[in-house]
Amino acid sequence: MASHHQPRTLLLAQALGITTSGYLLGQNASLSLTTLPALMQAPSPLACKQWVTMLDLSSLYAGPLGLLSGLSLAYTTYYTPRSTIPFRLNLAATVLFYSGVPISVFLIAPLNRQLEARMYVLEAYSLLKGAGEEGEGEGLFGSKRGGGEVNVEDEESTKALLDRWGVMNLMRAVPIAAAFGCAVAAALLR
């Protein structure tokens, strides 16, 4: 049980929780609302390859920042007096922030695996088509695709997976937005 004595690190934890959750909210929203629509304008092999690059780069810091944010929110909650509104808001922020984890694990991770597998299949197909017909292909993701034939089913299913990923990623941003709002309100009511 937390005492009424609040450690000096409380304000730092509160600032870190707010800042990192705000950053992660912006990152998730940006990936779904601005980056993904731009990627979807490219042919499927290139769109998948760029999506994997985007995922790899954003994962480098999103995981550690998510851990830092969640721990900071929990630490702030623990050291806030229980009978106060800021405690309730910090508790809500902590629970809401962690409620995005099941979305990540059960909805987004399977899509990530499907899209990565799709990228490797499309990459191999592009290599085979480019190597199989001299002068027709322009390398891995050139503008000429073999004899100009595009498998519309693959294009549509790849774009559908990317679109579904964007929606799920935006769904993951909703509890982060609510957590961010609760944490800011708790800080303002201190």
C-alpha atoms as a PDB file:
ATOM      1  CA  MET A   1       0.000   0.000   0.000  1.00  0.00           C
ATOM      2  CA  ALA A   2       1.326   3.424  -0.872  1.00  0.00           C
ATOM      3  CA  SER A   3       1.963   5.901   1.876  1.00  0.00           C
ATOM      4  CA  HIS A   4       0.969   9.546   1.719  1.00  0.00           C
ATOM      5  CA  HIS A   5       4.626  10.388   1.340  1.00  0.00           C
ATOM      6  CA  GLN A   6       5.215  11.051  -2.327  1.00  0.00           C
ATOM      7  CA  PRO A   7       8.734  10.452  -3.635  1.00  0.00           C
ATOM      8  CA  ARG A   8      10.534  13.104  -5.657  1.00  0.00           C
ATOM      9  CA  THR A   9      10.490  10.778  -8.623  1.00  0.00           C
ATOM     10  CA  LEU A  10       6.696  10.980  -8.807  1.00  0.00           C
ATOM     11  CA  LEU A  11       6.669  14.109 -10.973  1.00  0.00           C
ATOM     12  CA  LEU A  12       9.287  12.585 -13.259  1.00  0.00           C
ATOM     13  CA  ALA A  13       7.248   9.379 -13.597  1.00  0.00           C
ATOM     14  CA  GLN A  14       4.114  11.403 -14.263  1.00  0.00           C
ATOM     15  CA  ALA A  15       5.872  13.451 -16.953  1.00  0.00           C
ATOM     16  CA  LEU A  16       7.329  10.309 -18.549  1.00  0.00           C
ATOM     17  CA  GLY A  17       3.961   8.533 -18.520  1.00  0.00           C
ATOM     18  CA  ILE A  18       2.194  11.465 -20.152  1.00  0.00           C
ATOM     19  CA  THR A  19       4.941  12.182 -22.678  1.00  0.00           C
ATOM     20  CA  THR A  20       5.495   8.597 -23.789  1.00  0.00           C
ATOM     21  CA  SER A  21       1.797   7.732 -23.988  1.00  0.00           C
ATOM     22  CA  GLY A  22       1.223  10.912 -26.016  1.00  0.00           C
ATOM     23  CA  TYR A  23       4.085   9.989 -28.317  1.00  0.00           C
ATOM     24  CA  LEU A  24       2.793   6.435 -28.804  1.00  0.00           C
ATOM     25  CA  LEU A  25      -0.696   7.758 -29.488  1.00  0.00           C
ATOM     26  CA  GLY A  26       0.706  10.046 -32.168  1.00  0.00           C
ATOM     27  CA  GLN A  27       2.824   7.289 -33.661  1.00  0.00           C
ATOM     28  CA  ASN A  28      -0.063   4.818 -33.942  1.00  0.00           C
ATOM     29  CA  ALA A  29      -2.431   7.399 -35.366  1.00  0.00           C
ATOM     30  CA  SER A  30       0.190   8.638 -37.816  1.00  0.00           C
ATOM     31  CA  LEU A  31       1.031   5.158 -39.077  1.00  0.00           C
ATOM     32  CA  SER A  32      -2.639   4.401 -39.760  1.00  0.00           C
ATOM     33  CA  LEU A  33      -3.828   7.794 -40.990  1.00  0.00           C
ATOM     34  CA  THR A  34      -0.890   9.120 -43.016  1.00  0.00           C
ATOM     35  CA  THR A  35       1.837   6.532 -43.632  1.00  0.00           C
ATOM     36  CA  LEU A  36      -0.321   3.545 -44.564  1.00  0.00           C
ATOM     37  CA  PRO A  37      -2.461   5.391 -47.147  1.00  0.00           C
ATOM     38  CA  ALA A  38       0.745   6.503 -48.872  1.00  0.00           C
ATOM     39  CA  LEU A  39       2.106   2.931 -48.844  1.00  0.00           C
ATOM     40  CA  MET A  40      -1.106   1.597 -50.356  1.00  0.00           C
ATOM     41  CA  GLN A  41      -0.545   3.657 -53.496  1.00  0.00           C
ATOM     42  CA  ALA A  42       2.469   1.491 -54.368  1.00  0.00           C
ATOM     43  CA  PRO A  43       2.266  -1.916 -56.064  1.00  0.00           C
ATOM     44  CA  SER A  44       1.733  -4.726 -53.556  1.00  0.00           C
ATOM     45  CA  PRO A  45       5.337  -6.018 -53.465  1.00  0.00           C
ATOM     46  CA  LEU A  46       6.704  -2.543 -52.773  1.00  0.00           C
ATOM     47  CA  ALA A  47       3.891  -1.670 -50.352  1.00  0.00           C
ATOM     48  CA  CYS A  48       4.568  -4.849 -48.335  1.00  0.00           C
ATOM     49  CA  LYS A  49       8.316  -4.248 -48.304  1.00  0.00           C
ATOM     50  CA  GLN A  50       7.833  -0.647 -47.157  1.00  0.00           C
ATOM     51  CA  TRP A  51       5.302  -1.756 -44.542  1.00  0.00           C
ATOM     52  CA  VAL A  52       7.804  -4.287 -43.109  1.00  0.00           C
ATOM     53  CA  THR A  53      10.467  -1.558 -43.003  1.00  0.00           C
ATOM     54  CA  MET A  54       7.999   0.778 -41.258  1.00  0.00           C
ATOM     55  CA  LEU A  55       7.111  -1.939 -38.741  1.00  0.00           C
ATOM     56  CA  ASP A  56      10.758  -2.789 -38.048  1.00  0.00           C
ATOM     57  CA  LEU A  57      11.734   0.846 -37.508  1.00  0.00           C
ATOM     58  CA  SER A  58       8.742   1.743 -35.349  1.00  0.00           C
ATOM     59  CA  SER A  59       9.141  -1.437 -33.276  1.00  0.00           C
ATOM     60  CA  LEU A  60      12.670  -0.421 -32.297  1.00  0.00           C
ATOM     61  CA  TYR A  61      11.376   2.281 -29.990  1.00  0.00           C
ATOM     62  CA  ALA A  62       7.639   1.585 -29.589  1.00  0.00           C
ATOM     63  CA  GLY A  63       8.204  -1.484 -27.388  1.00  0.00           C
ATOM     64  CA  PRO A  64      10.634   0.157 -24.955  1.00  0.00           C
ATOM     65  CA  LEU A  65       8.573   3.359 -24.866  1.00  0.00           C
ATOM     66  CA  GLY A  66       5.406   1.346 -24.246  1.00  0.00           C
ATOM     67  CA  LEU A  67       7.059  -0.391 -21.318  1.00  0.00           C
ATOM     68  CA  LEU A  68       8.349   2.928 -19.955  1.00  0.00           C
ATOM     69  CA  SER A  69       4.937   4.540 -20.337  1.00  0.00           C
ATOM     70  CA  GLY A  70       3.032   1.700 -18.677  1.00  0.00           C
ATOM     71  CA  LEU A  71       5.460   1.473 -15.771  1.00  0.00           C
ATOM     72  CA  SER A  72       5.459   5.250 -15.310  1.00  0.00           C
ATOM     73  CA  LEU A  73       1.664   5.357 -15.242  1.00  0.00           C
ATOM     74  CA  ALA A  74       1.553   2.469 -12.742  1.00  0.00           C
ATOM     75  CA  TYR A  75       4.230   4.087 -10.544  1.00  0.00           C
ATOM     76  CA  THR A  76       2.308   7.364 -10.556  1.00  0.00           C
ATOM     77  CA  THR A  77      -0.879   5.533  -9.602  1.00  0.00           C
ATOM     78  CA  TYR A  78       0.830   3.667  -6.758  1.00  0.00           C
ATOM     79  CA  TYR A  79       2.122   6.849  -5.128  1.00  0.00           C
ATOM     80  CA  THR A  80      -1.040   8.928  -5.527  1.00  0.00           C
ATOM     81  CA  PRO A  81      -3.287   9.073  -2.414  1.00  0.00           C
ATOM     82  CA  ARG A  82      -6.103   6.536  -2.872  1.00  0.00           C
ATOM     83  CA  SER A  83      -9.007   8.738  -1.864  1.00  0.00           C
ATOM     84  CA  THR A  84      -8.366  11.351  -4.556  1.00  0.00           C
ATOM     85  CA  ILE A  85      -9.708  11.915  -8.049  1.00  0.00           C
ATOM     86  CA  PRO A  86      -6.143  11.960  -9.472  1.00  0.00           C
ATOM     87  CA  PHE A  87      -5.705   8.409  -8.123  1.00  0.00           C
ATOM     88  CA  ARG A  88      -8.815   7.233  -9.970  1.00  0.00           C
ATOM     89  CA  LEU A  89      -7.700   8.982 -13.147  1.00  0.00           C
ATOM     90  CA  ASN A  90      -4.174   7.547 -12.905  1.00  0.00           C
ATOM     91  CA  LEU A  91      -5.591   4.081 -12.254  1.00  0.00           C
ATOM     92  CA  ALA A  92      -7.857   4.444 -15.288  1.00  0.00           C
ATOM     93  CA  ALA A  93      -4.880   5.632 -17.359  1.00  0.00           C
ATOM     94  CA  THR A  94      -2.822   2.601 -16.329  1.00  0.00           C
ATOM     95  CA  VAL A  95      -5.608   0.101 -17.031  1.00  0.00           C
ATOM     96  CA  LEU A  96      -6.516   1.760 -20.332  1.00  0.00           C
ATOM     97  CA  PHE A  97      -2.915   1.868 -21.475  1.00  0.00           C
ATOM     98  CA  TYR A  98      -2.423  -1.847 -20.825  1.00  0.00           C
ATOM     99  CA  SER A  99      -5.758  -2.702 -22.462  1.00  0.00           C
ATOM    100  CA  GLY A 100      -4.058  -2.121 -25.810  1.00  0.00           C
ATOM    101  CA  VAL A 101      -1.842  -5.171 -25.238  1.00  0.00           C
ATOM    102  CA  PRO A 102      -4.544  -7.763 -26.123  1.00  0.00           C
ATOM    103  CA  ILE A 103      -5.268  -5.838 -29.333  1.00  0.00           C
ATOM    104  CA  SER A 104      -1.571  -6.042 -30.182  1.00  0.00           C
ATOM    105  CA  VAL A 105      -1.197  -9.709 -29.294  1.00  0.00           C
ATOM    106  CA  PHE A 106      -4.437 -11.174 -30.642  1.00  0.00           C
ATOM    107  CA  LEU A 107      -5.374  -8.897 -33.543  1.00  0.00           C
ATOM    108  CA  ILE A 108      -2.286  -7.112 -34.835  1.00  0.00           C
ATOM    109  CA  ALA A 109       0.468  -9.733 -34.357  1.00  0.00           C
ATOM    110  CA  PRO A 110      -1.275 -12.308 -36.614  1.00  0.00           C
ATOM    111  CA  LEU A 111      -1.700  -9.634 -39.292  1.00  0.00           C
ATOM    112  CA  ASN A 112       1.972  -8.729 -38.934  1.00  0.00           C
ATOM    113  CA  ARG A 113       2.930 -12.353 -39.590  1.00  0.00           C
ATOM    114  CA  GLN A 114       0.588 -12.577 -42.597  1.00  0.00           C
ATOM    115  CA  LEU A 115       1.932  -9.378 -44.117  1.00  0.00           C
ATOM    116  CA  GLU A 116       5.561 -10.376 -43.565  1.00  0.00           C
ATOM    117  CA  ALA A 117       4.911 -13.761 -45.202  1.00  0.00           C
ATOM    118  CA  ARG A 118       3.112 -12.005 -48.053  1.00  0.00           C
ATOM    119  CA  MET A 119       6.114  -9.717 -48.551  1.00  0.00           C
ATOM    120  CA  TYR A 120       8.473 -12.688 -48.916  1.00  0.00           C
ATOM    121  CA  VAL A 121       6.142 -14.428 -51.382  1.00  0.00           C
ATOM    122  CA  LEU A 122       5.695 -11.289 -53.484  1.00  0.00           C
ATOM    123  CA  GLU A 123       9.423 -10.572 -53.349  1.00  0.00           C
ATOM    124  CA  ALA A 124      10.233 -14.089 -54.567  1.00  0.00           C
ATOM    125  CA  TYR A 125       7.604 -13.804 -57.302  1.00  0.00           C
ATOM    126  CA  SER A 126       9.051 -10.484 -58.472  1.00  0.00           C
ATOM    127  CA  LEU A 127      12.560 -11.943 -58.547  1.00  0.00           C
ATOM    128  CA  LEU A 128      11.422 -14.961 -60.547  1.00  0.00           C
ATOM    129  CA  LYS A 129       9.431 -12.886 -63.022  1.00  0.00           C
ATOM    130  CA  GLY A 130      12.276 -10.383 -63.417  1.00  0.00           C
ATOM    131  CA  ALA A 131      14.870 -13.120 -63.974  1.00  0.00           C
ATOM    132  CA  GLY A 132      12.658 -15.231 -66.211  1.00  0.00           C
ATOM    133  CA  GLU A 133      12.098 -12.725 -68.989  1.00  0.00           C
ATOM    134  CA  GLU A 134      15.109 -10.803 -70.246  1.00  0.00           C
ATOM    135  CA  GLY A 135      14.557  -7.118 -70.639  1.00  0.00           C
ATOM    136  CA  GLU A 136      11.068  -7.214 -69.197  1.00  0.00           C
ATOM    137  CA  GLY A 137      11.714  -6.950 -65.461  1.00  0.00           C
ATOM    138  CA  GLU A 138      13.523  -4.080 -63.817  1.00  0.00           C
ATOM    139  CA  GLY A 139      14.757  -5.865 -60.733  1.00  0.00           C
ATOM    140  CA  LEU A 140      13.067  -6.617 -57.490  1.00  0.00           C
ATOM    141  CA  PHE A 141      10.276  -4.051 -57.540  1.00  0.00           C
ATOM    142  CA  GLY A 142      10.597  -2.503 -60.976  1.00  0.00           C
ATOM    143  CA  SER A 143       7.761  -0.835 -62.782  1.00  0.00           C
ATOM    144  CA  LYS A 144       7.536  -3.638 -65.353  1.00  0.00           C
ATOM    145  CA  ARG A 145       6.219  -6.796 -63.761  1.00  0.00           C
ATOM    146  CA  GLY A 146       7.125  -9.728 -65.960  1.00  0.00           C
ATOM    147  CA  GLY A 147       4.941  -9.524 -69.034  1.00  0.00           C
ATOM    148  CA  GLY A 148       2.782  -6.821 -67.507  1.00  0.00           C
ATOM    149  CA  GLU A 149       0.446  -9.346 -65.905  1.00  0.00           C
ATOM    150  CA  VAL A 150      -0.720  -8.465 -62.426  1.00  0.00           C
ATOM    151  CA  ASN A 151      -2.598 -10.973 -60.348  1.00  0.00           C
ATOM    152  CA  VAL A 152      -5.501  -8.774 -59.249  1.00  0.00           C
ATOM    153  CA  GLU A 153      -6.477 -11.200 -56.496  1.00  0.00           C
ATOM    154  CA  ASP A 154      -3.033 -10.864 -54.892  1.00  0.00           C
ATOM    155  CA  GLU A 155      -3.108  -7.079 -55.249  1.00  0.00           C
ATOM    156  CA  GLU A 156      -6.551  -6.847 -53.647  1.00  0.00           C
ATOM    157  CA  SER A 157      -5.828  -9.298 -50.839  1.00  0.00           C
ATOM    158  CA  THR A 158      -2.523  -7.581 -50.022  1.00  0.00           C
ATOM    159  CA  LYS A 159      -4.183  -4.176 -49.956  1.00  0.00           C
ATOM    160  CA  ALA A 160      -7.034  -5.618 -47.863  1.00  0.00           C
ATOM    161  CA  LEU A 161      -4.515  -6.958 -45.312  1.00  0.00           C
ATOM    162  CA  LEU A 162      -2.755  -3.588 -45.186  1.00  0.00           C
ATOM    163  CA  ASP A 163      -6.072  -1.796 -44.758  1.00  0.00           C
ATOM    164  CA  ARG A 164      -7.142  -4.205 -42.012  1.00  0.00           C
ATOM    165  CA  TRP A 165      -3.805  -3.655 -40.255  1.00  0.00           C
ATOM    166  CA  GLY A 166      -4.365   0.108 -40.400  1.00  0.00           C
ATOM    167  CA  VAL A 167      -7.807  -0.213 -38.813  1.00  0.00           C
ATOM    168  CA  MET A 168      -6.528  -2.530 -36.057  1.00  0.00           C
ATOM    169  CA  ASN A 169      -3.574  -0.240 -35.380  1.00  0.00           C
ATOM    170  CA  LEU A 170      -5.962   2.702 -35.092  1.00  0.00           C
ATOM    171  CA  MET A 171      -8.107   0.635 -32.704  1.00  0.00           C
ATOM    172  CA  ARG A 172      -4.985   0.174 -30.586  1.00  0.00           C
ATOM    173  CA  ALA A 173      -4.612   3.970 -30.446  1.00  0.00           C
ATOM    174  CA  VAL A 174      -8.059   4.440 -28.842  1.00  0.00           C
ATOM    175  CA  PRO A 175      -7.188   3.118 -25.346  1.00  0.00           C
ATOM    176  CA  ILE A 176      -3.844   4.930 -25.541  1.00  0.00           C
ATOM    177  CA  ALA A 177      -5.719   8.171 -26.281  1.00  0.00           C
ATOM    178  CA  ALA A 178      -8.034   7.571 -23.327  1.00  0.00           C
ATOM    179  CA  ALA A 179      -5.045   6.760 -21.076  1.00  0.00           C
ATOM    180  CA  PHE A 180      -3.276   9.913 -22.212  1.00  0.00           C
ATOM    181  CA  GLY A 181      -6.378  12.008 -21.476  1.00  0.00           C
ATOM    182  CA  CYS A 182      -6.804  10.501 -18.008  1.00  0.00           C
ATOM    183  CA  ALA A 183      -3.119  10.998 -17.155  1.00  0.00           C
ATOM    184  CA  VAL A 184      -3.207  14.645 -18.259  1.00  0.00           C
ATOM    185  CA  ALA A 185      -6.419  15.262 -16.282  1.00  0.00           C
ATOM    186  CA  ALA A 186      -4.857  13.654 -13.190  1.00  0.00           C
ATOM    187  CA  ALA A 187      -1.806  15.894 -13.522  1.00  0.00           C
ATOM    188  CA  LEU A 188      -3.981  18.989 -13.858  1.00  0.00           C
ATOM    189  CA  LEU A 189      -6.002  18.058 -10.761  1.00  0.00           C
ATOM    190  CA  ARG A 190      -2.937  17.518  -8.534  1.00  0.00           C
END
